[in-house]
Amino acid sequence: MAMPLKLRLLNGFMMGTLMSSVMSGFITLVNTGPGPGFLARWATAWFLAWLIAVPLAALVGPVARRWAETLAARI
C-alpha cells in the first residue's frame, strides 16, 4: 500500500533528521574527539548531512519499505 505524500514527507524529515544527527555526532566524536569546539564541529557536520539525508530518506524510504515487506514475507 502506498504511503500518503504528507506521511512520506514527514517520515523522511524525521528519519533524516534523527539519522543525520546521530551519525554526524558519532563520526565527529570519533574523528575529532570531545575537545573544545566539538559542538560547533558537530553542528556543521550535522547541517551538511541533514541537507542530504532528509531528501534521500523521503525518496528512498518507500523503496526500502517495499524491499523490507518483500523480505519479511519470505522469511
C-alpha atoms as a PDB file:
ATOM      1  CA  MET A   1       0.000   0.000   0.000  1.00  0.00           C
ATOM      2  CA  ALA A   2       1.359   3.413  -0.984  1.00  0.00           C
ATOM      3  CA  MET A   3       2.121   5.929   1.729  1.00  0.00           C
ATOM      4  CA  PRO A   4       0.242   9.264   1.515  1.00  0.00           C
ATOM      5  CA  LEU A   5       2.510  12.126   0.425  1.00  0.00           C
ATOM      6  CA  LYS A   6       2.217  14.026   3.729  1.00  0.00           C
ATOM      7  CA  LEU A   7       3.206  10.921   5.713  1.00  0.00           C
ATOM      8  CA  ARG A   8       6.046  10.131   3.301  1.00  0.00           C
ATOM      9  CA  LEU A   9       7.490  13.646   3.621  1.00  0.00           C
ATOM     10  CA  LEU A  10       7.089  13.771   7.400  1.00  0.00           C
ATOM     11  CA  ASN A  11       8.646  10.332   7.778  1.00  0.00           C
ATOM     12  CA  GLY A  12      11.577  11.377   5.556  1.00  0.00           C
ATOM     13  CA  PHE A  13      12.053  14.576   7.553  1.00  0.00           C
ATOM     14  CA  MET A  14      12.028  12.778  10.902  1.00  0.00           C
ATOM     15  CA  MET A  15      14.145   9.815   9.797  1.00  0.00           C
ATOM     16  CA  GLY A  16      16.673  12.035   8.017  1.00  0.00           C
ATOM     17  CA  THR A  17      16.931  14.404  10.978  1.00  0.00           C
ATOM     18  CA  LEU A  18      17.408  11.644  13.554  1.00  0.00           C
ATOM     19  CA  MET A  19      19.836   9.584  11.494  1.00  0.00           C
ATOM     20  CA  SER A  20      21.944  12.558  10.387  1.00  0.00           C
ATOM     21  CA  SER A  21      22.222  13.920  13.933  1.00  0.00           C
ATOM     22  CA  VAL A  22      23.265  10.587  15.466  1.00  0.00           C
ATOM     23  CA  MET A  23      25.632   9.594  12.667  1.00  0.00           C
ATOM     24  CA  SER A  24      27.306  13.001  12.316  1.00  0.00           C
ATOM     25  CA  GLY A  25      27.691  13.258  16.091  1.00  0.00           C
ATOM     26  CA  PHE A  26      29.278   9.823  16.338  1.00  0.00           C
ATOM     27  CA  ILE A  27      31.611  10.300  13.383  1.00  0.00           C
ATOM     28  CA  THR A  28      32.618  13.790  14.565  1.00  0.00           C
ATOM     29  CA  LEU A  29      33.357  12.389  18.021  1.00  0.00           C
ATOM     30  CA  VAL A  30      35.443   9.527  16.610  1.00  0.00           C
ATOM     31  CA  ASN A  31      37.364  11.752  14.202  1.00  0.00           C
ATOM     32  CA  THR A  32      38.000  14.832  16.356  1.00  0.00           C
ATOM     33  CA  GLY A  33      37.345  13.788  19.965  1.00  0.00           C
ATOM     34  CA  PRO A  34      35.226  15.556  22.571  1.00  0.00           C
ATOM     35  CA  GLY A  35      37.517  18.561  22.990  1.00  0.00           C
ATOM     36  CA  PRO A  36      36.829  22.264  22.711  1.00  0.00           C
ATOM     37  CA  GLY A  37      34.698  23.213  19.743  1.00  0.00           C
ATOM     38  CA  PHE A  38      33.080  19.784  19.463  1.00  0.00           C
ATOM     39  CA  LEU A  39      29.525  21.143  19.365  1.00  0.00           C
ATOM     40  CA  ALA A  40      30.399  23.624  16.617  1.00  0.00           C
ATOM     41  CA  ARG A  41      32.067  20.899  14.535  1.00  0.00           C
ATOM     42  CA  TRP A  42      29.120  18.583  15.103  1.00  0.00           C
ATOM     43  CA  ALA A  43      26.597  21.289  14.162  1.00  0.00           C
ATOM     44  CA  THR A  44      28.429  21.954  10.902  1.00  0.00           C
ATOM     45  CA  ALA A  45      28.689  18.248  10.072  1.00  0.00           C
ATOM     46  CA  TRP A  46      25.048  17.688  11.019  1.00  0.00           C
ATOM     47  CA  PHE A  47      23.759  20.526   8.847  1.00  0.00           C
ATOM     48  CA  LEU A  48      25.625  19.255   5.790  1.00  0.00           C
ATOM     49  CA  ALA A  49      24.462  15.678   6.445  1.00  0.00           C
ATOM     50  CA  TRP A  50      20.882  16.850   7.033  1.00  0.00           C
ATOM     51  CA  LEU A  51      20.777  18.559   3.620  1.00  0.00           C
ATOM     52  CA  ILE A  52      21.415  15.172   2.019  1.00  0.00           C
ATOM     53  CA  ALA A  53      19.676  12.833   4.472  1.00  0.00           C
ATOM     54  CA  VAL A  54      16.178  14.356   4.510  1.00  0.00           C
ATOM     55  CA  PRO A  55      15.511  14.344   0.753  1.00  0.00           C
ATOM     56  CA  LEU A  56      17.198  10.958   0.421  1.00  0.00           C
ATOM     57  CA  ALA A  57      15.078   9.437   3.193  1.00  0.00           C
ATOM     58  CA  ALA A  58      11.909  10.809   1.595  1.00  0.00           C
ATOM     59  CA  LEU A  59      12.846   9.439  -1.826  1.00  0.00           C
ATOM     60  CA  VAL A  60      14.432   6.107  -0.894  1.00  0.00           C
ATOM     61  CA  GLY A  61      12.328   5.304   2.184  1.00  0.00           C
ATOM     62  CA  PRO A  62       9.337   3.898   0.285  1.00  0.00           C
ATOM     63  CA  VAL A  63      11.610   1.680  -1.828  1.00  0.00           C
ATOM     64  CA  ALA A  64      13.339   0.348   1.294  1.00  0.00           C
ATOM     65  CA  ARG A  65       9.953  -0.290   2.886  1.00  0.00           C
ATOM     66  CA  ARG A  66       8.799  -2.353  -0.117  1.00  0.00           C
ATOM     67  CA  TRP A  67      12.032  -4.356  -0.062  1.00  0.00           C
ATOM     68  CA  ALA A  68      11.591  -4.988   3.660  1.00  0.00           C
ATOM     69  CA  GLU A  69       7.967  -6.066   3.164  1.00  0.00           C
ATOM     70  CA  THR A  70       9.024  -8.471   0.412  1.00  0.00           C
ATOM     71  CA  LEU A  71      11.835  -9.917   2.517  1.00  0.00           C
ATOM     72  CA  ALA A  72       9.628 -10.241   5.599  1.00  0.00           C
ATOM     73  CA  ALA A  73       7.038 -12.173   3.583  1.00  0.00           C
ATOM     74  CA  ARG A  74       9.707 -14.670   2.500  1.00  0.00           C
ATOM     75  CA  ILE A  75      11.253 -15.384   5.888  1.00  0.00           C
END
